[in-house]
């Protein structure tokens, strides 16, 4: 039993050390990123406006457009898609965290 607990603690420390060293060394840039993440929240009105614009672009007749106009529309669609994705809430769980949760569940 002691050997299992020792191995579990050793695994926890081993897997958590990679997370500790994964941070950026530039603290100023990380604080700037945190500020931009809070500013990227879109309201429901903005999301509906963007989805209406996407539907408008999709319903256009693109057969008579030039290559540059089509390229600009594609870039606009990609920008809208990235804005909407950034505004969504996503939770990332690392592999070490998953192993820790499974280990805790097995021990309980």
PDB file of N, CA and C in Angstrom:
ATOM      1  N   UNK A   1       0.815  -1.182   0.000  1.00  0.00           N
ATOM      2  CA  UNK A   1       0.000   0.000   0.000  1.00  0.00           C
ATOM      3  C   UNK A   1       0.864   1.254   0.000  1.00  0.00           C
ATOM      4  N   UNK A   2       1.953   1.240   0.797  1.00  0.00           N
ATOM      5  CA  UNK A   2       2.840   2.390   0.850  1.00  0.00           C
ATOM      6  C   UNK A   2       3.529   2.608  -0.490  1.00  0.00           C
ATOM      7  N   UNK A   3       3.834   1.521  -1.171  1.00  0.00           N
ATOM      8  CA  UNK A   3       4.498   1.625  -2.457  1.00  0.00           C
ATOM      9  C   UNK A   3       3.574   2.287  -3.485  1.00  0.00           C
ATOM     10  N   UNK A   4       2.297   1.961  -3.442  1.00  0.00           N
ATOM     11  CA  UNK A   4       1.329   2.552  -4.372  1.00  0.00           C
ATOM     12  C   UNK A   4       1.174   4.041  -4.091  1.00  0.00           C
ATOM     13  N   UNK A   5       1.083   4.400  -2.825  1.00  0.00           N
ATOM     14  CA  UNK A   5       0.950   5.812  -2.473  1.00  0.00           C
ATOM     15  C   UNK A   5       2.205   6.573  -2.872  1.00  0.00           C
ATOM     16  N   UNK A   6       3.378   5.984  -2.635  1.00  0.00           N
ATOM     17  CA  UNK A   6       4.625   6.619  -3.028  1.00  0.00           C
ATOM     18  C   UNK A   6       4.683   6.835  -4.544  1.00  0.00           C
ATOM     19  N   UNK A   7       4.296   5.824  -5.314  1.00  0.00           N
ATOM     20  CA  UNK A   7       4.296   5.960  -6.769  1.00  0.00           C
ATOM     21  C   UNK A   7       3.272   6.992  -7.237  1.00  0.00           C
ATOM     22  N   UNK A   8       2.138   7.056  -6.575  1.00  0.00           N
ATOM     23  CA  UNK A   8       1.114   8.044  -6.949  1.00  0.00           C
ATOM     24  C   UNK A   8       1.619   9.459  -6.696  1.00  0.00           C
ATOM     25  N   UNK A   9       2.240   9.686  -5.545  1.00  0.00           N
ATOM     26  CA  UNK A   9       2.779  11.016  -5.235  1.00  0.00           C
ATOM     27  C   UNK A   9       3.912  11.364  -6.186  1.00  0.00           C
ATOM     28  N   UNK A  10       4.752  10.399  -6.494  1.00  0.00           N
ATOM     29  CA  UNK A  10       5.837  10.624  -7.439  1.00  0.00           C
ATOM     30  C   UNK A  10       5.300  10.989  -8.820  1.00  0.00           C
ATOM     31  N   UNK A  11       4.237  10.315  -9.256  1.00  0.00           N
ATOM     32  CA  UNK A  11       3.628  10.611 -10.546  1.00  0.00           C
ATOM     33  C   UNK A  11       3.017  12.011 -10.552  1.00  0.00           C
ATOM     34  N   UNK A  12       2.386  12.393  -9.466  1.00  0.00           N
ATOM     35  CA  UNK A  12       1.775  13.723  -9.381  1.00  0.00           C
ATOM     36  C   UNK A  12       2.844  14.805  -9.497  1.00  0.00           C
ATOM     37  N   UNK A  13       3.932  14.665  -8.766  1.00  0.00           N
ATOM     38  CA  UNK A  13       4.988  15.663  -8.828  1.00  0.00           C
ATOM     39  C   UNK A  13       5.680  15.680 -10.184  1.00  0.00           C
ATOM     40  N   UNK A  14       5.841  14.526 -10.789  1.00  0.00           N
ATOM     41  CA  UNK A  14       6.486  14.456 -12.098  1.00  0.00           C
ATOM     42  C   UNK A  14       5.634  15.120 -13.170  1.00  0.00           C
ATOM     43  N   UNK A  15       4.349  14.846 -13.162  1.00  0.00           N
ATOM     44  CA  UNK A  15       3.477  15.411 -14.184  1.00  0.00           C
ATOM     45  C   UNK A  15       3.189  16.884 -13.950  1.00  0.00           C
ATOM     46  N   UNK A  16       3.191  17.328 -12.710  1.00  0.00           N
ATOM     47  CA  UNK A  16       2.908  18.734 -12.444  1.00  0.00           C
ATOM     48  C   UNK A  16       4.111  19.621 -12.704  1.00  0.00           C
ATOM     49  N   UNK A  17       5.310  19.071 -12.724  1.00  0.00           N
ATOM     50  CA  UNK A  17       6.491  19.896 -12.962  1.00  0.00           C
ATOM     51  C   UNK A  17       6.518  20.416 -14.389  1.00  0.00           C
ATOM     52  N   UNK A  18       5.988  19.661 -15.346  1.00  0.00           N
ATOM     53  CA  UNK A  18       5.966  20.157 -16.725  1.00  0.00           C
ATOM     54  C   UNK A  18       5.001  21.323 -16.865  1.00  0.00           C
ATOM     55  N   UNK A  19       3.937  21.327 -16.094  1.00  0.00           N
ATOM     56  CA  UNK A  19       2.984  22.429 -16.128  1.00  0.00           C
ATOM     57  C   UNK A  19       3.604  23.673 -15.515  1.00  0.00           C
ATOM     58  N   UNK A  20       4.406  23.509 -14.481  1.00  0.00           N
ATOM     59  CA  UNK A  20       5.013  24.653 -13.803  1.00  0.00           C
ATOM     60  C   UNK A  20       6.015  25.358 -14.710  1.00  0.00           C
ATOM     61  N   UNK A  21       6.722  24.622 -15.551  1.00  0.00           N
ATOM     62  CA  UNK A  21       7.724  25.215 -16.419  1.00  0.00           C
ATOM     63  C   UNK A  21       7.169  25.607 -17.784  1.00  0.00           C
ATOM     64  N   UNK A  22       5.892  25.402 -18.020  1.00  0.00           N
ATOM     65  CA  UNK A  22       5.310  25.693 -19.318  1.00  0.00           C
ATOM     66  C   UNK A  22       4.936  27.158 -19.475  1.00  0.00           C
ATOM     67  N   UNK A  23       4.967  27.957 -18.429  1.00  0.00           N
ATOM     68  CA  UNK A  23       4.565  29.359 -18.492  1.00  0.00           C
ATOM     69  C   UNK A  23       5.573  30.189 -19.268  1.00  0.00           C
ATOM     70  N   UNK A  24       5.115  31.363 -19.697  1.00  0.00           N
ATOM     71  CA  UNK A  24       6.000  32.276 -20.415  1.00  0.00           C
ATOM     72  C   UNK A  24       6.924  32.972 -19.422  1.00  0.00           C
ATOM     73  N   UNK A  25       8.112  33.282 -19.870  1.00  0.00           N
ATOM     74  CA  UNK A  25       9.038  33.974 -18.998  1.00  0.00           C
ATOM     75  C   UNK A  25       8.793  35.475 -19.015  1.00  0.00           C
ATOM     76  N   UNK A  26       8.071  35.969 -20.029  1.00  0.00           N
ATOM     77  CA  UNK A  26       7.783  37.382 -20.143  1.00  0.00           C
ATOM     78  C   UNK A  26       6.467  37.687 -19.433  1.00  0.00           C
ATOM     79  N   UNK A  27       6.530  38.250 -18.238  1.00  0.00           N
ATOM     80  CA  UNK A  27       5.335  38.505 -17.451  1.00  0.00           C
ATOM     81  C   UNK A  27       4.495  39.631 -18.028  1.00  0.00           C
ATOM     82  N   UNK A  28       5.133  40.585 -18.690  1.00  0.00           N
ATOM     83  CA  UNK A  28       4.398  41.718 -19.243  1.00  0.00           C
ATOM     84  C   UNK A  28       3.461  41.273 -20.356  1.00  0.00           C
ATOM     85  N   UNK A  29       3.920  40.380 -21.214  1.00  0.00           N
ATOM     86  CA  UNK A  29       3.072  39.915 -22.309  1.00  0.00           C
ATOM     87  C   UNK A  29       1.909  39.080 -21.799  1.00  0.00           C
ATOM     88  N   UNK A  30       2.091  38.323 -20.717  1.00  0.00           N
ATOM     89  CA  UNK A  30       0.990  37.524 -20.195  1.00  0.00           C
ATOM     90  C   UNK A  30      -0.083  38.408 -19.576  1.00  0.00           C
ATOM     91  N   UNK A  31       0.305  39.530 -18.969  1.00  0.00           N
ATOM     92  CA  UNK A  31      -0.707  40.431 -18.423  1.00  0.00           C
ATOM     93  C   UNK A  31      -1.446  41.139 -19.540  1.00  0.00           C
ATOM     94  N   UNK A  32      -0.778  41.416 -20.654  1.00  0.00           N
ATOM     95  CA  UNK A  32      -1.453  42.012 -21.801  1.00  0.00           C
ATOM     96  C   UNK A  32      -2.454  41.041 -22.406  1.00  0.00           C
ATOM     97  N   UNK A  33      -2.081  39.766 -22.476  1.00  0.00           N
ATOM     98  CA  UNK A  33      -2.992  38.756 -23.011  1.00  0.00           C
ATOM     99  C   UNK A  33      -4.223  38.608 -22.136  1.00  0.00           C
ATOM    100  N   UNK A  34      -4.050  38.702 -20.831  1.00  0.00           N
ATOM    101  CA  UNK A  34      -5.195  38.591 -19.930  1.00  0.00           C
ATOM    102  C   UNK A  34      -6.147  39.758 -20.139  1.00  0.00           C
ATOM    103  N   UNK A  35      -5.608  40.929 -20.416  1.00  0.00           N
ATOM    104  CA  UNK A  35      -6.466  42.089 -20.650  1.00  0.00           C
ATOM    105  C   UNK A  35      -7.236  41.949 -21.953  1.00  0.00           C
ATOM    106  N   UNK A  36      -6.610  41.396 -22.985  1.00  0.00           N
ATOM    107  CA  UNK A  36      -7.302  41.251 -24.258  1.00  0.00           C
ATOM    108  C   UNK A  36      -8.334  40.139 -24.204  1.00  0.00           C
ATOM    109  N   UNK A  37      -8.125  39.128 -23.376  1.00  0.00           N
ATOM    110  CA  UNK A  37      -9.096  38.045 -23.280  1.00  0.00           C
ATOM    111  C   UNK A  37     -10.409  38.540 -22.695  1.00  0.00           C
ATOM    112  N   UNK A  38     -10.354  39.454 -21.762  1.00  0.00           N
ATOM    113  CA  UNK A  38     -11.587  39.959 -21.181  1.00  0.00           C
ATOM    114  C   UNK A  38     -12.304  40.916 -22.128  1.00  0.00           C
ATOM    115  N   UNK A  39     -11.560  41.557 -23.022  1.00  0.00           N
ATOM    116  CA  UNK A  39     -12.168  42.498 -23.958  1.00  0.00           C
ATOM    117  C   UNK A  39     -12.807  41.806 -25.147  1.00  0.00           C
ATOM    118  N   UNK A  40     -12.514  40.548 -25.384  1.00  0.00           N
ATOM    119  CA  UNK A  40     -13.000  39.847 -26.569  1.00  0.00           C
ATOM    120  C   UNK A  40     -14.379  39.243 -26.404  1.00  0.00           C
ATOM    121  N   UNK A  41     -15.073  39.537 -25.332  1.00  0.00           N
ATOM    122  CA  UNK A  41     -16.407  38.988 -25.137  1.00  0.00           C
ATOM    123  C   UNK A  41     -17.386  39.704 -26.051  1.00  0.00           C
ATOM    124  N   UNK A  42     -18.137  38.938 -26.822  1.00  0.00           N
ATOM    125  CA  UNK A  42     -19.129  39.501 -27.727  1.00  0.00           C
ATOM    126  C   UNK A  42     -20.510  39.412 -27.095  1.00  0.00           C
ATOM    127  N   UNK A  43     -21.305  40.443 -27.305  1.00  0.00           N
ATOM    128  CA  UNK A  43     -22.675  40.407 -26.814  1.00  0.00           C
ATOM    129  C   UNK A  43     -23.525  39.600 -27.780  1.00  0.00           C
ATOM    130  N   UNK A  44     -24.723  39.273 -27.371  1.00  0.00           N
ATOM    131  CA  UNK A  44     -25.620  38.484 -28.224  1.00  0.00           C
ATOM    132  C   UNK A  44     -25.988  39.267 -29.479  1.00  0.00           C
ATOM    133  N   UNK A  45     -26.096  40.577 -29.344  1.00  0.00           N
ATOM    134  CA  UNK A  45     -26.419  41.417 -30.502  1.00  0.00           C
ATOM    135  C   UNK A  45     -25.298  41.389 -31.542  1.00  0.00           C
ATOM    136  N   UNK A  46     -24.058  41.451 -31.084  1.00  0.00           N
ATOM    137  CA  UNK A  46     -22.921  41.406 -32.006  1.00  0.00           C
ATOM    138  C   UNK A  46     -22.835  40.050 -32.699  1.00  0.00           C
ATOM    139  N   UNK A  47     -23.102  38.980 -31.963  1.00  0.00           N
ATOM    140  CA  UNK A  47     -23.053  37.638 -32.554  1.00  0.00           C
ATOM    141  C   UNK A  47     -24.127  37.495 -33.624  1.00  0.00           C
ATOM    142  N   UNK A  48     -25.334  37.988 -33.355  1.00  0.00           N
ATOM    143  CA  UNK A  48     -26.402  37.906 -34.372  1.00  0.00           C
ATOM    144  C   UNK A  48     -26.066  38.764 -35.581  1.00  0.00           C
ATOM    145  N   UNK A  49     -25.444  39.919 -35.356  1.00  0.00           N
ATOM    146  CA  UNK A  49     -25.030  40.767 -36.485  1.00  0.00           C
ATOM    147  C   UNK A  49     -23.989  40.047 -37.345  1.00  0.00           C
ATOM    148  N   UNK A  50     -23.037  39.387 -36.687  1.00  0.00           N
ATOM    149  CA  UNK A  50     -22.010  38.660 -37.435  1.00  0.00           C
ATOM    150  C   UNK A  50     -22.605  37.463 -38.187  1.00  0.00           C
ATOM    151  N   UNK A  51     -23.523  36.743 -37.558  1.00  0.00           N
ATOM    152  CA  UNK A  51     -24.138  35.603 -38.251  1.00  0.00           C
ATOM    153  C   UNK A  51     -24.994  36.069 -39.424  1.00  0.00           C
ATOM    154  N   UNK A  52     -25.655  37.215 -39.281  1.00  0.00           N
ATOM    155  CA  UNK A  52     -26.411  37.772 -40.415  1.00  0.00           C
ATOM    156  C   UNK A  52     -25.481  38.132 -41.562  1.00  0.00           C
ATOM    157  N   UNK A  53     -24.310  38.681 -41.229  1.00  0.00           N
ATOM    158  CA  UNK A  53     -23.332  39.026 -42.272  1.00  0.00           C
ATOM    159  C   UNK A  53     -22.835  37.765 -42.970  1.00  0.00           C
ATOM    160  N   UNK A  54     -22.610  36.696 -42.218  1.00  0.00           N
ATOM    161  CA  UNK A  54     -22.160  35.433 -42.814  1.00  0.00           C
ATOM    162  C   UNK A  54     -23.224  34.894 -43.770  1.00  0.00           C
ATOM    163  N   UNK A  55     -24.470  34.931 -43.354  1.00  0.00           N
ATOM    164  CA  UNK A  55     -25.556  34.466 -44.225  1.00  0.00           C
ATOM    165  C   UNK A  55     -25.670  35.330 -45.469  1.00  0.00           C
ATOM    166  N   UNK A  56     -25.451  36.640 -45.316  1.00  0.00           N
ATOM    167  CA  UNK A  56     -25.484  37.552 -46.456  1.00  0.00           C
ATOM    168  C   UNK A  56     -24.374  37.223 -47.451  1.00  0.00           C
ATOM    169  N   UNK A  57     -23.179  36.937 -46.941  1.00  0.00           N
ATOM    170  CA  UNK A  57     -22.049  36.590 -47.819  1.00  0.00           C
ATOM    171  C   UNK A  57     -22.316  35.266 -48.522  1.00  0.00           C
ATOM    172  N   UNK A  58     -22.870  34.304 -47.808  1.00  0.00           N
ATOM    173  CA  UNK A  58     -23.138  32.993 -48.415  1.00  0.00           C
ATOM    174  C   UNK A  58     -24.223  33.064 -49.488  1.00  0.00           C
ATOM    175  N   UNK A  59     -25.161  33.994 -49.339  1.00  0.00           N
ATOM    176  CA  UNK A  59     -26.240  34.089 -50.321  1.00  0.00           C
ATOM    177  C   UNK A  59     -25.857  34.926 -51.541  1.00  0.00           C
ATOM    178  N   UNK A  60     -24.672  35.535 -51.525  1.00  0.00           N
ATOM    179  CA  UNK A  60     -24.234  36.356 -52.661  1.00  0.00           C
ATOM    180  C   UNK A  60     -23.966  35.491 -53.883  1.00  0.00           C
ATOM    181  N   UNK A  61     -24.118  36.114 -55.051  1.00  0.00           N
ATOM    182  CA  UNK A  61     -23.751  35.457 -56.303  1.00  0.00           C
ATOM    183  C   UNK A  61     -22.281  35.754 -56.563  1.00  0.00           C
ATOM    184  N   UNK A  62     -21.447  34.758 -56.374  1.00  0.00           N
ATOM    185  CA  UNK A  62     -20.004  34.957 -56.469  1.00  0.00           C
ATOM    186  C   UNK A  62     -19.446  34.630 -57.853  1.00  0.00           C
ATOM    187  N   UNK A  63     -20.305  34.261 -58.779  1.00  0.00           N
ATOM    188  CA  UNK A  63     -19.818  33.862 -60.100  1.00  0.00           C
ATOM    189  C   UNK A  63     -19.277  35.040 -60.900  1.00  0.00           C
ATOM    190  N   UNK A  64     -19.755  36.236 -60.633  1.00  0.00           N
ATOM    191  CA  UNK A  64     -19.295  37.401 -61.389  1.00  0.00           C
ATOM    192  C   UNK A  64     -18.242  38.204 -60.646  1.00  0.00           C
ATOM    193  N   UNK A  65     -17.807  37.738 -59.502  1.00  0.00           N
ATOM    194  CA  UNK A  65     -16.788  38.449 -58.720  1.00  0.00           C
ATOM    195  C   UNK A  65     -15.396  38.114 -59.225  1.00  0.00           C
ATOM    196  N   UNK A  66     -14.482  39.042 -58.977  1.00  0.00           N
ATOM    197  CA  UNK A  66     -13.092  38.787 -59.328  1.00  0.00           C
ATOM    198  C   UNK A  66     -12.444  37.944 -58.232  1.00  0.00           C
ATOM    199  N   UNK A  67     -11.242  37.495 -58.514  1.00  0.00           N
ATOM    200  CA  UNK A  67     -10.523  36.649 -57.560  1.00  0.00           C
ATOM    201  C   UNK A  67     -10.206  37.426 -56.288  1.00  0.00           C
ATOM    202  N   UNK A  68      -9.837  38.698 -56.427  1.00  0.00           N
ATOM    203  CA  UNK A  68      -9.496  39.495 -55.243  1.00  0.00           C
ATOM    204  C   UNK A  68     -10.724  39.739 -54.361  1.00  0.00           C
ATOM    205  N   UNK A  69     -11.879  39.949 -54.973  1.00  0.00           N
ATOM    206  CA  UNK A  69     -13.101  40.141 -54.183  1.00  0.00           C
ATOM    207  C   UNK A  69     -13.463  38.871 -53.422  1.00  0.00           C
ATOM    208  N   UNK A  70     -13.315  37.730 -54.082  1.00  0.00           N
ATOM    209  CA  UNK A  70     -13.591  36.458 -53.410  1.00  0.00           C
ATOM    210  C   UNK A  70     -12.618  36.234 -52.257  1.00  0.00           C
ATOM    211  N   UNK A  71     -11.366  36.606 -52.472  1.00  0.00           N
ATOM    212  CA  UNK A  71     -10.349  36.452 -51.441  1.00  0.00           C
ATOM    213  C   UNK A  71     -10.678  37.332 -50.233  1.00  0.00           C
ATOM    214  N   UNK A  72     -11.125  38.567 -50.489  1.00  0.00           N
ATOM    215  CA  UNK A  72     -11.496  39.466 -49.397  1.00  0.00           C
ATOM    216  C   UNK A  72     -12.679  38.911 -48.603  1.00  0.00           C
ATOM    217  N   UNK A  73     -13.648  38.326 -49.293  1.00  0.00           N
ATOM    218  CA  UNK A  73     -14.787  37.723 -48.603  1.00  0.00           C
ATOM    219  C   UNK A  73     -14.352  36.548 -47.743  1.00  0.00           C
ATOM    220  N   UNK A  74     -13.431  35.728 -48.271  1.00  0.00           N
ATOM    221  CA  UNK A  74     -12.922  34.598 -47.493  1.00  0.00           C
ATOM    222  C   UNK A  74     -12.198  35.079 -46.239  1.00  0.00           C
ATOM    223  N   UNK A  75     -11.386  36.137 -46.389  1.00  0.00           N
ATOM    224  CA  UNK A  75     -10.679  36.681 -45.232  1.00  0.00           C
ATOM    225  C   UNK A  75     -11.659  37.232 -44.203  1.00  0.00           C
ATOM    226  N   UNK A  76     -12.721  37.882 -44.682  1.00  0.00           N
ATOM    227  CA  UNK A  76     -13.726  38.407 -43.770  1.00  0.00           C
ATOM    228  C   UNK A  76     -14.432  37.281 -43.018  1.00  0.00           C
ATOM    229  N   UNK A  77     -14.755  36.208 -43.732  1.00  0.00           N
ATOM    230  CA  UNK A  77     -15.406  35.063 -43.081  1.00  0.00           C
ATOM    231  C   UNK A  77     -14.498  34.418 -42.041  1.00  0.00           C
ATOM    232  N   UNK A  78     -13.210  34.292 -42.364  1.00  0.00           N
ATOM    233  CA  UNK A  78     -12.264  33.723 -41.394  1.00  0.00           C
ATOM    234  C   UNK A  78     -12.138  34.613 -40.165  1.00  0.00           C
ATOM    235  N   UNK A  79     -12.138  35.936 -40.369  1.00  0.00           N
ATOM    236  CA  UNK A  79     -12.069  36.863 -39.244  1.00  0.00           C
ATOM    237  C   UNK A  79     -13.294  36.768 -38.353  1.00  0.00           C
ATOM    238  N   UNK A  80     -14.466  36.676 -38.966  1.00  0.00           N
ATOM    239  CA  UNK A  80     -15.699  36.534 -38.191  1.00  0.00           C
ATOM    240  C   UNK A  80     -15.680  35.235 -37.405  1.00  0.00           C
ATOM    241  N   UNK A  81     -15.231  34.158 -38.048  1.00  0.00           N
ATOM    242  CA  UNK A  81     -15.184  32.853 -37.384  1.00  0.00           C
ATOM    243  C   UNK A  81     -14.241  32.886 -36.181  1.00  0.00           C
ATOM    244  N   UNK A  82     -13.083  33.522 -36.338  1.00  0.00           N
ATOM    245  CA  UNK A  82     -12.140  33.588 -35.222  1.00  0.00           C
ATOM    246  C   UNK A  82     -12.678  34.465 -34.095  1.00  0.00           C
ATOM    247  N   UNK A  83     -13.388  35.550 -34.422  1.00  0.00           N
ATOM    248  CA  UNK A  83     -13.973  36.406 -33.381  1.00  0.00           C
ATOM    249  C   UNK A  83     -15.012  35.663 -32.570  1.00  0.00           C
ATOM    250  N   UNK A  84     -15.861  34.908 -33.243  1.00  0.00           N
ATOM    251  CA  UNK A  84     -16.908  34.175 -32.544  1.00  0.00           C
ATOM    252  C   UNK A  84     -16.302  33.066 -31.693  1.00  0.00           C
ATOM    253  N   UNK A  85     -15.276  32.398 -32.198  1.00  0.00           N
ATOM    254  CA  UNK A  85     -14.629  31.330 -31.421  1.00  0.00           C
ATOM    255  C   UNK A  85     -13.934  31.878 -30.187  1.00  0.00           C
ATOM    256  N   UNK A  86     -13.300  33.053 -30.315  1.00  0.00           N
ATOM    257  CA  UNK A  86     -12.602  33.642 -29.176  1.00  0.00           C
ATOM    258  C   UNK A  86     -13.566  34.063 -28.078  1.00  0.00           C
ATOM    259  N   UNK A  87     -14.778  34.408 -28.458  1.00  0.00           N
ATOM    260  CA  UNK A  87     -15.730  34.882 -27.457  1.00  0.00           C
ATOM    261  C   UNK A  87     -16.318  33.740 -26.644  1.00  0.00           C
ATOM    262  N   UNK A  88     -16.219  32.510 -27.137  1.00  0.00           N
ATOM    263  CA  UNK A  88     -16.782  31.359 -26.426  1.00  0.00           C
ATOM    264  C   UNK A  88     -15.937  30.963 -25.238  1.00  0.00           C
ATOM    265  N   UNK A  89     -16.569  30.347 -24.254  1.00  0.00           N
ATOM    266  CA  UNK A  89     -15.879  29.886 -23.060  1.00  0.00           C
ATOM    267  C   UNK A  89     -15.426  28.448 -23.278  1.00  0.00           C
ATOM    268  N   UNK A  90     -14.130  28.192 -23.102  1.00  0.00           N
ATOM    269  CA  UNK A  90     -13.575  26.859 -23.305  1.00  0.00           C
ATOM    270  C   UNK A  90     -12.724  26.510 -22.094  1.00  0.00           C
ATOM    271  N   UNK A  91     -12.834  25.284 -21.646  1.00  0.00           N
ATOM    272  CA  UNK A  91     -12.020  24.813 -20.531  1.00  0.00           C
ATOM    273  C   UNK A  91     -11.069  23.744 -21.067  1.00  0.00           C
ATOM    274  N   UNK A  92      -9.779  23.954 -20.852  1.00  0.00           N
ATOM    275  CA  UNK A  92      -8.775  22.997 -21.278  1.00  0.00           C
ATOM    276  C   UNK A  92      -8.288  22.212 -20.068  1.00  0.00           C
ATOM    277  N   UNK A  93      -8.235  20.890 -20.205  1.00  0.00           N
ATOM    278  CA  UNK A  93      -7.740  20.028 -19.131  1.00  0.00           C
ATOM    279  C   UNK A  93      -6.521  19.285 -19.672  1.00  0.00           C
ATOM    280  N   UNK A  94      -5.420  19.400 -18.949  1.00  0.00           N
ATOM    281  CA  UNK A  94      -4.194  18.750 -19.405  1.00  0.00           C
ATOM    282  C   UNK A  94      -4.233  17.257 -19.099  1.00  0.00           C
ATOM    283  N   UNK A  95      -3.313  16.541 -19.699  1.00  0.00           N
ATOM    284  CA  UNK A  95      -3.235  15.094 -19.487  1.00  0.00           C
ATOM    285  C   UNK A  95      -2.890  14.740 -18.063  1.00  0.00           C
ATOM    286  N   UNK A  96      -2.014  15.528 -17.436  1.00  0.00           N
ATOM    287  CA  UNK A  96      -1.658  15.282 -16.045  1.00  0.00           C
ATOM    288  C   UNK A  96      -2.833  15.462 -15.115  1.00  0.00           C
ATOM    289  N   UNK A  97      -3.674  16.441 -15.423  1.00  0.00           N
ATOM    290  CA  UNK A  97      -4.858  16.664 -14.600  1.00  0.00           C
ATOM    291  C   UNK A  97      -5.832  15.511 -14.726  1.00  0.00           C
ATOM    292  N   UNK A  98      -6.004  15.013 -15.928  1.00  0.00           N
ATOM    293  CA  UNK A  98      -6.900  13.870 -16.145  1.00  0.00           C
ATOM    294  C   UNK A  98      -6.393  12.646 -15.381  1.00  0.00           C
ATOM    295  N   UNK A  99      -5.082  12.396 -15.453  1.00  0.00           N
ATOM    296  CA  UNK A  99      -4.510  11.264 -14.705  1.00  0.00           C
ATOM    297  C   UNK A  99      -4.698  11.430 -13.208  1.00  0.00           C
ATOM    298  N   UNK A 100      -4.544  12.661 -12.728  1.00  0.00           N
ATOM    299  CA  UNK A 100      -4.718  12.926 -11.309  1.00  0.00           C
ATOM    300  C   UNK A 100      -6.163  12.672 -10.884  1.00  0.00           C
ATOM    301  N   UNK A 101      -7.114  13.113 -11.699  1.00  0.00           N
ATOM    302  CA  UNK A 101      -8.516  12.901 -11.379  1.00  0.00           C
ATOM    303  C   UNK A 101      -8.840  11.405 -11.363  1.00  0.00           C
ATOM    304  N   UNK A 102      -8.340  10.685 -12.353  1.00  0.00           N
ATOM    305  CA  UNK A 102      -8.586   9.229 -12.410  1.00  0.00           C
ATOM    306  C   UNK A 102      -7.953   8.537 -11.207  1.00  0.00           C
ATOM    307  N   UNK A 103      -6.751   8.949 -10.855  1.00  0.00           N
ATOM    308  CA  UNK A 103      -6.060   8.362  -9.702  1.00  0.00           C
ATOM    309  C   UNK A 103      -6.829   8.621  -8.408  1.00  0.00           C
ATOM    310  N   UNK A 104      -7.325   9.825  -8.237  1.00  0.00           N
ATOM    311  CA  UNK A 104      -8.089  10.154  -7.040  1.00  0.00           C
ATOM    312  C   UNK A 104      -9.382   9.327  -6.991  1.00  0.00           C
ATOM    313  N   UNK A 105     -10.030   9.204  -8.132  1.00  0.00           N
ATOM    314  CA  UNK A 105     -11.265   8.400  -8.184  1.00  0.00           C
ATOM    315  C   UNK A 105     -10.992   6.931  -7.861  1.00  0.00           C
ATOM    316  N   UNK A 106      -9.869   6.405  -8.307  1.00  0.00           N
ATOM    317  CA  UNK A 106      -9.533   5.018  -8.011  1.00  0.00           C
ATOM    318  C   UNK A 106      -9.191   4.825  -6.535  1.00  0.00           C
ATOM    319  N   UNK A 107      -8.565   5.795  -5.927  1.00  0.00           N
ATOM    320  CA  UNK A 107      -8.198   5.670  -4.533  1.00  0.00           C
ATOM    321  C   UNK A 107      -9.406   5.828  -3.609  1.00  0.00           C
ATOM    322  N   UNK A 108     -10.409   6.541  -4.086  1.00  0.00           N
ATOM    323  CA  UNK A 108     -11.612   6.727  -3.255  1.00  0.00           C
ATOM    324  C   UNK A 108     -12.491   5.567  -3.441  1.00  0.00           C
TER     325      UNK A 108
END
